[in-house]
Amino acid sequence: MSAKTKDKLATAVIVTLAGIIVLVMAGLLGFILVRGLGHVSFHFLTSAPQTIKEGGGIGPQLFNSLFLLVLTMIITVPLGLGAGIYMSEYAKPGKITDTIRLIVEVLSSFPSIVVGLFGLLVIVNTFGLGFSLFSGALALTVFNLPLMVRITEQGLSGVPAAQKEASLALGISKWKTIKSIMLPISMPVILTGTILAAGRVFGEAAALLFTAGMSSPRLDFTNWNPLSPTSPLNPFRPAETLAVHIWKINSEGLAPDAPQIAAGASAVLILMVLIFNLLARWVGRLMMKKFTAAK
């Protein structure tokens, strides 16, 4: 068999496998969206769920998911940026640094259910925070922090060495160089990774079963006092997120239209994750054009 024939055969196999994967993913997404979008409406997105009656919605669960996302990123982004900067620019090569990197890699591969059990034992019970949005945010920070550290470290390592050395040669301090030269150049990578991490948080369920809880109190959206137990802005209240709600409806839903509610909620969740991914690509390209000469 000639080299050209082998090349064509290998190319055909790769293209076929890629096509099969794309078809499977497109079929799965299409099935979920076609099955669920017919049940999505403004009332469905804003009304509270019903236990045994028809016509329930996902309003509180959708708000809880977005609020939890904001809380998680408020905690994760500063810690991830700081740790990534330290690992990239300040940590000296050696066994200790290699051990830290190994720990980060191990944490990133933890199953989310293990993170949830850790959150239940340490955050919920030991620290006494109970089932709450804040407990869920801390658990998801453990789950998401390794990703942010790697993204920051890779973004900073991609900065051309000549630009860093030129800044230091001018007498600019190391921190000023990082803040004014390296971070702006690496911002497209960091921002894109941050948005992708946010999409990952939005669809998480297993870790939240044991930390944020599987129920939510009746919320008064006219009450904006963050210390009130009925306020939607209270981070220390139990909160059922959209992903957890889908699991709960499918496993123990009593409403006559439970399958339709689960299908509609699944379609909304898929759309939100797709929006996060498309937004990450768009922001990444926009930032790349702003900070580089790319067209």
C-alpha atoms as a PDB file:
ATOM      1  CA  MET A   1       0.000   0.000   0.000  1.00  0.00           C
ATOM      2  CA  SER A   2       1.426   3.358  -1.041  1.00  0.00           C
ATOM      3  CA  ALA A   3       1.931   6.308   1.301  1.00  0.00           C
ATOM      4  CA  LYS A   4      -0.784   8.331  -0.478  1.00  0.00           C
ATOM      5  CA  THR A   5      -3.297   5.495  -0.089  1.00  0.00           C
ATOM      6  CA  LYS A   6      -2.478   5.161   3.609  1.00  0.00           C
ATOM      7  CA  ASP A   7      -2.876   8.909   4.048  1.00  0.00           C
ATOM      8  CA  LYS A   8      -6.264   8.916   2.307  1.00  0.00           C
ATOM      9  CA  LEU A   9      -7.411   5.910   4.328  1.00  0.00           C
ATOM     10  CA  ALA A  10      -6.349   7.485   7.645  1.00  0.00           C
ATOM     11  CA  THR A  11      -8.009  10.777   6.684  1.00  0.00           C
ATOM     12  CA  ALA A  12     -11.243   8.964   5.780  1.00  0.00           C
ATOM     13  CA  VAL A  13     -11.272   7.095   9.111  1.00  0.00           C
ATOM     14  CA  ILE A  14     -10.662  10.293  11.120  1.00  0.00           C
ATOM     15  CA  VAL A  15     -13.321  12.242   9.207  1.00  0.00           C
ATOM     16  CA  THR A  16     -15.813   9.369   9.620  1.00  0.00           C
ATOM     17  CA  LEU A  17     -15.226   9.139  13.375  1.00  0.00           C
ATOM     18  CA  ALA A  18     -15.511  12.922  13.741  1.00  0.00           C
ATOM     19  CA  GLY A  19     -18.727  12.892  11.715  1.00  0.00           C
ATOM     20  CA  ILE A  20     -20.214  10.136  13.898  1.00  0.00           C
ATOM     21  CA  ILE A  21     -19.381  12.102  17.063  1.00  0.00           C
ATOM     22  CA  VAL A  22     -20.907  15.282  15.636  1.00  0.00           C
ATOM     23  CA  LEU A  23     -24.055  13.424  14.573  1.00  0.00           C
ATOM     24  CA  VAL A  24     -24.454  11.797  17.984  1.00  0.00           C
ATOM     25  CA  MET A  25     -24.017  15.135  19.788  1.00  0.00           C
ATOM     26  CA  ALA A  26     -26.327  16.949  17.373  1.00  0.00           C
ATOM     27  CA  GLY A  27     -28.935  14.219  17.716  1.00  0.00           C
ATOM     28  CA  LEU A  28     -28.760  14.340  21.523  1.00  0.00           C
ATOM     29  CA  LEU A  29     -29.020  18.133  21.647  1.00  0.00           C
ATOM     30  CA  GLY A  30     -31.774  18.147  19.034  1.00  0.00           C
ATOM     31  CA  PHE A  31     -33.776  15.522  20.939  1.00  0.00           C
ATOM     32  CA  ILE A  32     -33.559  17.479  24.207  1.00  0.00           C
ATOM     33  CA  LEU A  33     -34.407  20.826  22.585  1.00  0.00           C
ATOM     34  CA  VAL A  34     -37.251  19.539  20.394  1.00  0.00           C
ATOM     35  CA  ARG A  35     -38.749  17.626  23.317  1.00  0.00           C
ATOM     36  CA  GLY A  36     -38.483  20.530  25.754  1.00  0.00           C
ATOM     37  CA  LEU A  37     -38.771  23.865  23.938  1.00  0.00           C
ATOM     38  CA  GLY A  38     -42.484  23.380  23.331  1.00  0.00           C
ATOM     39  CA  HIS A  39     -43.068  23.595  27.090  1.00  0.00           C
ATOM     40  CA  VAL A  40     -40.944  26.711  27.622  1.00  0.00           C
ATOM     41  CA  SER A  41     -42.806  30.000  28.055  1.00  0.00           C
ATOM     42  CA  PHE A  42     -42.500  33.196  30.046  1.00  0.00           C
ATOM     43  CA  HIS A  43     -44.815  31.741  32.695  1.00  0.00           C
ATOM     44  CA  PHE A  44     -42.696  28.586  32.853  1.00  0.00           C
ATOM     45  CA  LEU A  45     -39.483  30.608  33.330  1.00  0.00           C
ATOM     46  CA  THR A  46     -40.860  32.889  36.037  1.00  0.00           C
ATOM     47  CA  SER A  47     -43.433  30.906  38.039  1.00  0.00           C
ATOM     48  CA  ALA A  48     -42.784  28.732  41.085  1.00  0.00           C
ATOM     49  CA  PRO A  49     -42.913  24.919  40.833  1.00  0.00           C
ATOM     50  CA  GLN A  50     -45.984  22.961  41.894  1.00  0.00           C
ATOM     51  CA  THR A  51     -45.816  19.800  43.977  1.00  0.00           C
ATOM     52  CA  ILE A  52     -48.976  17.966  42.923  1.00  0.00           C
ATOM     53  CA  LYS A  53     -50.698  20.374  40.509  1.00  0.00           C
ATOM     54  CA  GLU A  54     -50.067  21.072  36.843  1.00  0.00           C
ATOM     55  CA  GLY A  55     -48.633  24.311  35.527  1.00  0.00           C
ATOM     56  CA  GLY A  56     -45.521  24.629  37.683  1.00  0.00           C
ATOM     57  CA  GLY A  57     -42.457  26.536  36.518  1.00  0.00           C
ATOM     58  CA  ILE A  58     -38.751  26.852  37.229  1.00  0.00           C
ATOM     59  CA  GLY A  59     -38.459  30.532  38.242  1.00  0.00           C
ATOM     60  CA  PRO A  60     -36.858  30.120  41.693  1.00  0.00           C
ATOM     61  CA  GLN A  61     -34.591  27.306  40.472  1.00  0.00           C
ATOM     62  CA  LEU A  62     -33.373  29.374  37.530  1.00  0.00           C
ATOM     63  CA  PHE A  63     -32.679  32.346  39.812  1.00  0.00           C
ATOM     64  CA  ASN A  64     -30.909  30.078  42.326  1.00  0.00           C
ATOM     65  CA  SER A  65     -28.649  28.708  39.583  1.00  0.00           C
ATOM     66  CA  LEU A  66     -27.663  32.193  38.412  1.00  0.00           C
ATOM     67  CA  PHE A  67     -27.163  33.480  41.973  1.00  0.00           C
ATOM     68  CA  LEU A  68     -25.046  30.449  42.867  1.00  0.00           C
ATOM     69  CA  LEU A  69     -22.986  31.011  39.724  1.00  0.00           C
ATOM     70  CA  VAL A  70     -22.257  34.610  40.767  1.00  0.00           C
ATOM     71  CA  LEU A  71     -21.310  33.571  44.321  1.00  0.00           C
ATOM     72  CA  THR A  72     -19.034  30.796  43.070  1.00  0.00           C
ATOM     73  CA  MET A  73     -17.204  33.015  40.590  1.00  0.00           C
ATOM     74  CA  ILE A  74     -16.772  35.780  43.201  1.00  0.00           C
ATOM     75  CA  ILE A  75     -14.876  33.252  45.337  1.00  0.00           C
ATOM     76  CA  THR A  76     -13.161  31.267  42.567  1.00  0.00           C
ATOM     77  CA  VAL A  77     -11.813  33.991  40.273  1.00  0.00           C
ATOM     78  CA  PRO A  78      -9.646  35.917  42.811  1.00  0.00           C
ATOM     79  CA  LEU A  79      -8.298  32.694  44.350  1.00  0.00           C
ATOM     80  CA  GLY A  80      -7.651  31.121  40.946  1.00  0.00           C
ATOM     81  CA  LEU A  81      -5.948  34.244  39.576  1.00  0.00           C
ATOM     82  CA  GLY A  82      -3.757  34.607  42.652  1.00  0.00           C
ATOM     83  CA  ALA A  83      -2.757  30.941  42.718  1.00  0.00           C
ATOM     84  CA  GLY A  84      -2.130  30.902  38.956  1.00  0.00           C
ATOM     85  CA  ILE A  85       0.075  34.009  39.145  1.00  0.00           C
ATOM     86  CA  TYR A  86       2.031  32.488  42.030  1.00  0.00           C
ATOM     87  CA  MET A  87       2.525  29.155  40.267  1.00  0.00           C
ATOM     88  CA  SER A  88       3.568  30.837  37.023  1.00  0.00           C
ATOM     89  CA  GLU A  89       5.793  33.672  38.254  1.00  0.00           C
ATOM     90  CA  TYR A  90       6.783  33.225  41.887  1.00  0.00           C
ATOM     91  CA  ALA A  91       6.975  29.485  42.637  1.00  0.00           C
ATOM     92  CA  LYS A  92      10.522  28.178  42.363  1.00  0.00           C
ATOM     93  CA  PRO A  93      10.983  24.950  40.371  1.00  0.00           C
ATOM     94  CA  GLY A  94      11.411  21.999  42.667  1.00  0.00           C
ATOM     95  CA  LYS A  95       9.716  19.139  44.446  1.00  0.00           C
ATOM     96  CA  ILE A  96       7.336  21.377  46.410  1.00  0.00           C
ATOM     97  CA  THR A  97       6.100  23.144  43.274  1.00  0.00           C
ATOM     98  CA  ASP A  98       5.762  19.819  41.446  1.00  0.00           C
ATOM     99  CA  THR A  99       3.771  18.453  44.398  1.00  0.00           C
ATOM    100  CA  ILE A 100       1.431  21.459  44.339  1.00  0.00           C
ATOM    101  CA  ARG A 101       0.865  20.985  40.601  1.00  0.00           C
ATOM    102  CA  LEU A 102       0.155  17.301  41.173  1.00  0.00           C
ATOM    103  CA  ILE A 103      -2.390  18.155  43.872  1.00  0.00           C
ATOM    104  CA  VAL A 104      -4.067  20.637  41.530  1.00  0.00           C
ATOM    105  CA  GLU A 105      -4.275  17.977  38.812  1.00  0.00           C
ATOM    106  CA  VAL A 106      -5.725  15.440  41.249  1.00  0.00           C
ATOM    107  CA  LEU A 107      -8.334  17.937  42.487  1.00  0.00           C
ATOM    108  CA  SER A 108      -9.398  18.688  38.907  1.00  0.00           C
ATOM    109  CA  SER A 109     -10.110  14.994  38.309  1.00  0.00           C
ATOM    110  CA  PHE A 110     -12.201  14.468  41.452  1.00  0.00           C
ATOM    111  CA  PRO A 111     -15.755  13.224  40.765  1.00  0.00           C
ATOM    112  CA  SER A 112     -18.274  15.898  41.687  1.00  0.00           C
ATOM    113  CA  ILE A 113     -20.067  13.503  44.029  1.00  0.00           C
ATOM    114  CA  VAL A 114     -16.850  13.221  46.089  1.00  0.00           C
ATOM    115  CA  VAL A 115     -16.648  17.024  46.270  1.00  0.00           C
ATOM    116  CA  GLY A 116     -20.270  17.058  47.397  1.00  0.00           C
ATOM    117  CA  LEU A 117     -19.626  14.552  50.184  1.00  0.00           C
ATOM    118  CA  PHE A 118     -16.581  16.565  51.272  1.00  0.00           C
ATOM    119  CA  GLY A 119     -18.785  19.670  51.355  1.00  0.00           C
ATOM    120  CA  LEU A 120     -21.410  17.833  53.414  1.00  0.00           C
ATOM    121  CA  LEU A 121     -18.887  16.636  55.998  1.00  0.00           C
ATOM    122  CA  VAL A 122     -16.725  19.752  56.268  1.00  0.00           C
ATOM    123  CA  ILE A 123     -18.722  22.791  55.115  1.00  0.00           C
ATOM    124  CA  VAL A 124     -22.282  21.799  56.037  1.00  0.00           C
ATOM    125  CA  ASN A 125     -21.657  19.829  59.246  1.00  0.00           C
ATOM    126  CA  THR A 126     -18.228  20.763  60.670  1.00  0.00           C
ATOM    127  CA  PHE A 127     -18.425  24.491  59.930  1.00  0.00           C
ATOM    128  CA  GLY A 128     -22.167  24.522  60.639  1.00  0.00           C
ATOM    129  CA  LEU A 129     -23.170  26.452  57.506  1.00  0.00           C
ATOM    130  CA  GLY A 130     -26.002  24.024  56.773  1.00  0.00           C
ATOM    131  CA  PHE A 131     -27.591  23.477  53.386  1.00  0.00           C
ATOM    132  CA  SER A 132     -27.222  26.858  51.724  1.00  0.00           C
ATOM    133  CA  LEU A 133     -26.142  28.684  48.593  1.00  0.00           C
ATOM    134  CA  PHE A 134     -22.901  29.664  50.321  1.00  0.00           C
ATOM    135  CA  SER A 135     -22.105  26.023  51.139  1.00  0.00           C
ATOM    136  CA  GLY A 136     -22.774  25.105  47.515  1.00  0.00           C
ATOM    137  CA  ALA A 137     -20.566  27.951  46.294  1.00  0.00           C
ATOM    138  CA  LEU A 138     -17.681  26.801  48.531  1.00  0.00           C
ATOM    139  CA  ALA A 139     -18.036  23.212  47.304  1.00  0.00           C
ATOM    140  CA  LEU A 140     -18.073  24.329  43.668  1.00  0.00           C
ATOM    141  CA  THR A 141     -15.017  26.492  44.373  1.00  0.00           C
ATOM    142  CA  VAL A 142     -13.135  23.332  45.395  1.00  0.00           C
ATOM    143  CA  PHE A 143     -14.439  21.724  42.211  1.00  0.00           C
ATOM    144  CA  ASN A 144     -13.583  24.676  39.937  1.00  0.00           C
ATOM    145  CA  LEU A 145     -10.452  26.187  41.486  1.00  0.00           C
ATOM    146  CA  PRO A 146      -7.959  23.802  39.791  1.00  0.00           C
ATOM    147  CA  LEU A 147      -9.394  24.767  36.402  1.00  0.00           C
ATOM    148  CA  MET A 148      -8.950  28.483  37.115  1.00  0.00           C
ATOM    149  CA  VAL A 149      -5.388  27.937  38.359  1.00  0.00           C
ATOM    150  CA  ARG A 150      -4.445  26.031  35.197  1.00  0.00           C
ATOM    151  CA  ILE A 151      -6.122  28.582  32.928  1.00  0.00           C
ATOM    152  CA  THR A 152      -4.281  31.490  34.582  1.00  0.00           C
ATOM    153  CA  GLU A 153      -0.957  29.670  34.578  1.00  0.00           C
ATOM    154  CA  GLN A 154      -1.274  28.706  30.911  1.00  0.00           C
ATOM    155  CA  GLY A 155      -2.351  32.215  29.944  1.00  0.00           C
ATOM    156  CA  LEU A 156       0.658  33.792  31.665  1.00  0.00           C
ATOM    157  CA  SER A 157       3.071  31.196  30.275  1.00  0.00           C
ATOM    158  CA  GLY A 158       1.870  32.112  26.772  1.00  0.00           C
ATOM    159  CA  VAL A 159       3.085  35.718  27.105  1.00  0.00           C
ATOM    160  CA  PRO A 160       6.177  36.250  24.887  1.00  0.00           C
ATOM    161  CA  ALA A 161       9.314  36.243  27.017  1.00  0.00           C
ATOM    162  CA  ALA A 162      10.669  39.272  25.107  1.00  0.00           C
ATOM    163  CA  GLN A 163       7.854  41.508  26.354  1.00  0.00           C
ATOM    164  CA  LYS A 164       8.357  40.423  29.950  1.00  0.00           C
ATOM    165  CA  GLU A 165      12.130  40.863  29.760  1.00  0.00           C
ATOM    166  CA  ALA A 166      11.798  44.268  28.086  1.00  0.00           C
ATOM    167  CA  SER A 167       9.565  45.484  30.915  1.00  0.00           C
ATOM    168  CA  LEU A 168      11.968  44.232  33.588  1.00  0.00           C
ATOM    169  CA  ALA A 169      14.921  45.759  31.703  1.00  0.00           C
ATOM    170  CA  LEU A 170      13.260  49.172  31.970  1.00  0.00           C
ATOM    171  CA  GLY A 171      13.351  48.879  35.747  1.00  0.00           C
ATOM    172  CA  ILE A 172       9.656  48.095  36.160  1.00  0.00           C
ATOM    173  CA  SER A 173       8.946  45.923  39.192  1.00  0.00           C
ATOM    174  CA  LYS A 174       7.910  42.293  38.773  1.00  0.00           C
ATOM    175  CA  TRP A 175       4.380  42.868  40.102  1.00  0.00           C
ATOM    176  CA  LYS A 176       3.924  45.919  37.867  1.00  0.00           C
ATOM    177  CA  THR A 177       5.096  43.848  34.903  1.00  0.00           C
ATOM    178  CA  ILE A 178       2.594  41.118  35.738  1.00  0.00           C
ATOM    179  CA  LYS A 179      -0.255  43.568  36.304  1.00  0.00           C
ATOM    180  CA  SER A 180       0.361  45.947  33.376  1.00  0.00           C
ATOM    181  CA  ILE A 181       2.018  43.741  30.746  1.00  0.00           C
ATOM    182  CA  MET A 182       1.357  40.058  31.277  1.00  0.00           C
ATOM    183  CA  LEU A 183      -2.238  40.024  32.541  1.00  0.00           C
ATOM    184  CA  PRO A 184      -3.620  42.187  29.685  1.00  0.00           C
ATOM    185  CA  ILE A 185      -1.880  39.969  27.100  1.00  0.00           C
ATOM    186  CA  SER A 186      -3.145  36.769  28.723  1.00  0.00           C
ATOM    187  CA  MET A 187      -6.629  38.174  29.380  1.00  0.00           C
ATOM    188  CA  PRO A 188      -8.281  36.529  26.307  1.00  0.00           C
ATOM    189  CA  VAL A 189      -7.241  33.079  27.538  1.00  0.00           C
ATOM    190  CA  ILE A 190      -8.167  33.784  31.165  1.00  0.00           C
ATOM    191  CA  LEU A 191     -11.534  35.338  30.327  1.00  0.00           C
ATOM    192  CA  THR A 192     -12.484  32.565  27.904  1.00  0.00           C
ATOM    193  CA  GLY A 193     -11.583  29.920  30.473  1.00  0.00           C
ATOM    194  CA  THR A 194     -13.501  31.769  33.185  1.00  0.00           C
ATOM    195  CA  ILE A 195     -16.692  31.802  31.115  1.00  0.00           C
ATOM    196  CA  LEU A 196     -16.296  28.100  30.300  1.00  0.00           C
ATOM    197  CA  ALA A 197     -15.810  27.411  34.012  1.00  0.00           C
ATOM    198  CA  ALA A 198     -19.002  29.368  34.718  1.00  0.00           C
ATOM    199  CA  GLY A 199     -20.909  27.178  32.269  1.00  0.00           C
ATOM    200  CA  ARG A 200     -19.546  24.112  34.026  1.00  0.00           C
ATOM    201  CA  VAL A 201     -20.795  25.458  37.365  1.00  0.00           C
ATOM    202  CA  PHE A 202     -24.247  26.202  35.952  1.00  0.00           C
ATOM    203  CA  GLY A 203     -24.842  22.584  34.963  1.00  0.00           C
ATOM    204  CA  GLU A 204     -23.482  20.972  38.143  1.00  0.00           C
ATOM    205  CA  ALA A 205     -25.868  18.855  40.211  1.00  0.00           C
ATOM    206  CA  ALA A 206     -24.163  16.062  42.168  1.00  0.00           C
ATOM    207  CA  ALA A 207     -22.066  18.312  44.415  1.00  0.00           C
ATOM    208  CA  LEU A 208     -25.070  20.529  45.171  1.00  0.00           C
ATOM    209  CA  LEU A 209     -27.301  17.695  46.353  1.00  0.00           C
ATOM    210  CA  PHE A 210     -25.241  17.533  49.569  1.00  0.00           C
ATOM    211  CA  THR A 211     -24.426  21.228  50.042  1.00  0.00           C
ATOM    212  CA  ALA A 212     -27.079  23.572  48.636  1.00  0.00           C
ATOM    213  CA  GLY A 213     -29.960  21.186  49.327  1.00  0.00           C
ATOM    214  CA  MET A 214     -32.879  19.790  47.361  1.00  0.00           C
ATOM    215  CA  SER A 215     -35.532  22.285  48.415  1.00  0.00           C
ATOM    216  CA  SER A 216     -35.998  26.020  48.386  1.00  0.00           C
ATOM    217  CA  PRO A 217     -38.134  28.213  50.668  1.00  0.00           C
ATOM    218  CA  ARG A 218     -40.846  30.369  49.191  1.00  0.00           C
ATOM    219  CA  LEU A 219     -39.055  33.466  47.956  1.00  0.00           C
ATOM    220  CA  ASP A 220     -40.430  36.995  48.122  1.00  0.00           C
ATOM    221  CA  PHE A 221     -38.868  38.819  45.170  1.00  0.00           C
ATOM    222  CA  THR A 222     -39.982  42.145  46.638  1.00  0.00           C
ATOM    223  CA  ASN A 223     -37.828  41.523  49.716  1.00  0.00           C
ATOM    224  CA  TRP A 224     -34.214  42.499  48.964  1.00  0.00           C
ATOM    225  CA  ASN A 225     -32.935  42.241  52.540  1.00  0.00           C
ATOM    226  CA  PRO A 226     -30.065  39.684  52.271  1.00  0.00           C
ATOM    227  CA  LEU A 227     -30.549  38.686  55.921  1.00  0.00           C
ATOM    228  CA  SER A 228     -34.214  37.708  55.530  1.00  0.00           C
ATOM    229  CA  PRO A 229     -34.891  33.962  55.112  1.00  0.00           C
ATOM    230  CA  THR A 230     -37.406  34.675  52.313  1.00  0.00           C
ATOM    231  CA  SER A 231     -35.150  37.088  50.435  1.00  0.00           C
ATOM    232  CA  PRO A 232     -33.773  35.784  47.120  1.00  0.00           C
ATOM    233  CA  LEU A 233     -30.458  37.521  47.926  1.00  0.00           C
ATOM    234  CA  ASN A 234     -29.891  35.595  51.173  1.00  0.00           C
ATOM    235  CA  PRO A 235     -26.799  33.412  50.516  1.00  0.00           C
ATOM    236  CA  PHE A 236     -27.375  31.313  53.660  1.00  0.00           C
ATOM    237  CA  ARG A 237     -30.745  29.830  52.668  1.00  0.00           C
ATOM    238  CA  PRO A 238     -31.291  26.382  51.119  1.00  0.00           C
ATOM    239  CA  ALA A 239     -31.557  26.547  47.359  1.00  0.00           C
ATOM    240  CA  GLU A 240     -32.567  23.998  44.764  1.00  0.00           C
ATOM    241  CA  THR A 241     -30.803  24.732  41.478  1.00  0.00           C
ATOM    242  CA  LEU A 242     -32.102  23.966  37.997  1.00  0.00           C
ATOM    243  CA  ALA A 243     -29.926  20.873  37.513  1.00  0.00           C
ATOM    244  CA  VAL A 244     -30.970  19.470  40.906  1.00  0.00           C
ATOM    245  CA  HIS A 245     -34.617  20.265  40.106  1.00  0.00           C
ATOM    246  CA  ILE A 246     -34.406  18.231  36.892  1.00  0.00           C
ATOM    247  CA  TRP A 247     -33.035  15.253  38.808  1.00  0.00           C
ATOM    248  CA  LYS A 248     -35.689  15.611  41.518  1.00  0.00           C
ATOM    249  CA  ILE A 249     -38.564  15.900  39.051  1.00  0.00           C
ATOM    250  CA  ASN A 250     -37.405  12.828  37.131  1.00  0.00           C
ATOM    251  CA  SER A 251     -36.869  10.741  40.274  1.00  0.00           C
ATOM    252  CA  GLU A 252     -39.764  11.713  42.547  1.00  0.00           C
ATOM    253  CA  GLY A 253     -41.983  14.220  40.744  1.00  0.00           C
ATOM    254  CA  LEU A 254     -45.692  13.910  41.661  1.00  0.00           C
ATOM    255  CA  ALA A 255     -47.175  16.558  39.362  1.00  0.00           C
ATOM    256  CA  PRO A 256     -49.160  15.193  36.383  1.00  0.00           C
ATOM    257  CA  ASP A 257     -46.983  17.168  33.968  1.00  0.00           C
ATOM    258  CA  ALA A 258     -43.669  16.207  35.625  1.00  0.00           C
ATOM    259  CA  PRO A 259     -42.180  14.746  32.383  1.00  0.00           C
ATOM    260  CA  GLN A 260     -43.003  17.975  30.518  1.00  0.00           C
ATOM    261  CA  ILE A 261     -41.503  20.125  33.288  1.00  0.00           C
ATOM    262  CA  ALA A 262     -38.310  18.033  33.274  1.00  0.00           C
ATOM    263  CA  ALA A 263     -38.089  18.264  29.474  1.00  0.00           C
ATOM    264  CA  GLY A 264     -38.584  22.040  29.491  1.00  0.00           C
ATOM    265  CA  ALA A 265     -36.069  22.541  32.303  1.00  0.00           C
ATOM    266  CA  SER A 266     -33.538  20.348  30.477  1.00  0.00           C
ATOM    267  CA  ALA A 267     -33.942  22.436  27.331  1.00  0.00           C
ATOM    268  CA  VAL A 268     -33.398  25.650  29.307  1.00  0.00           C
ATOM    269  CA  LEU A 269     -30.292  24.186  30.982  1.00  0.00           C
ATOM    270  CA  ILE A 270     -28.843  23.058  27.642  1.00  0.00           C
ATOM    271  CA  LEU A 271     -29.493  26.483  26.110  1.00  0.00           C
ATOM    272  CA  MET A 272     -27.816  28.257  29.025  1.00  0.00           C
ATOM    273  CA  VAL A 273     -24.709  26.060  28.772  1.00  0.00           C
ATOM    274  CA  LEU A 274     -24.601  26.603  24.985  1.00  0.00           C
ATOM    275  CA  ILE A 275     -24.881  30.351  25.539  1.00  0.00           C
ATOM    276  CA  PHE A 276     -21.956  30.250  27.975  1.00  0.00           C
ATOM    277  CA  ASN A 277     -19.812  28.362  25.453  1.00  0.00           C
ATOM    278  CA  LEU A 278     -20.720  30.628  22.527  1.00  0.00           C
ATOM    279  CA  LEU A 279     -20.147  33.687  24.715  1.00  0.00           C
ATOM    280  CA  ALA A 280     -16.704  32.350  25.664  1.00  0.00           C
ATOM    281  CA  ARG A 281     -15.732  31.969  21.995  1.00  0.00           C
ATOM    282  CA  TRP A 282     -17.049  35.424  21.097  1.00  0.00           C
ATOM    283  CA  VAL A 283     -15.375  37.152  24.034  1.00  0.00           C
ATOM    284  CA  GLY A 284     -12.126  35.301  23.358  1.00  0.00           C
ATOM    285  CA  ARG A 285     -12.055  36.474  19.744  1.00  0.00           C
ATOM    286  CA  LEU A 286     -12.993  40.022  20.748  1.00  0.00           C
ATOM    287  CA  MET A 287     -10.263  40.201  23.364  1.00  0.00           C
ATOM    288  CA  MET A 288      -7.739  38.669  20.975  1.00  0.00           C
ATOM    289  CA  LYS A 289      -8.481  41.378  18.402  1.00  0.00           C
ATOM    290  CA  LYS A 290      -8.194  44.075  21.070  1.00  0.00           C
ATOM    291  CA  PHE A 291      -4.875  42.986  22.547  1.00  0.00           C
ATOM    292  CA  THR A 292      -3.205  41.613  19.412  1.00  0.00           C
ATOM    293  CA  ALA A 293      -2.994  42.419  15.728  1.00  0.00           C
ATOM    294  CA  ALA A 294      -5.221  39.486  14.809  1.00  0.00           C
ATOM    295  CA  LYS A 295      -8.102  40.153  12.418  1.00  0.00           C
END
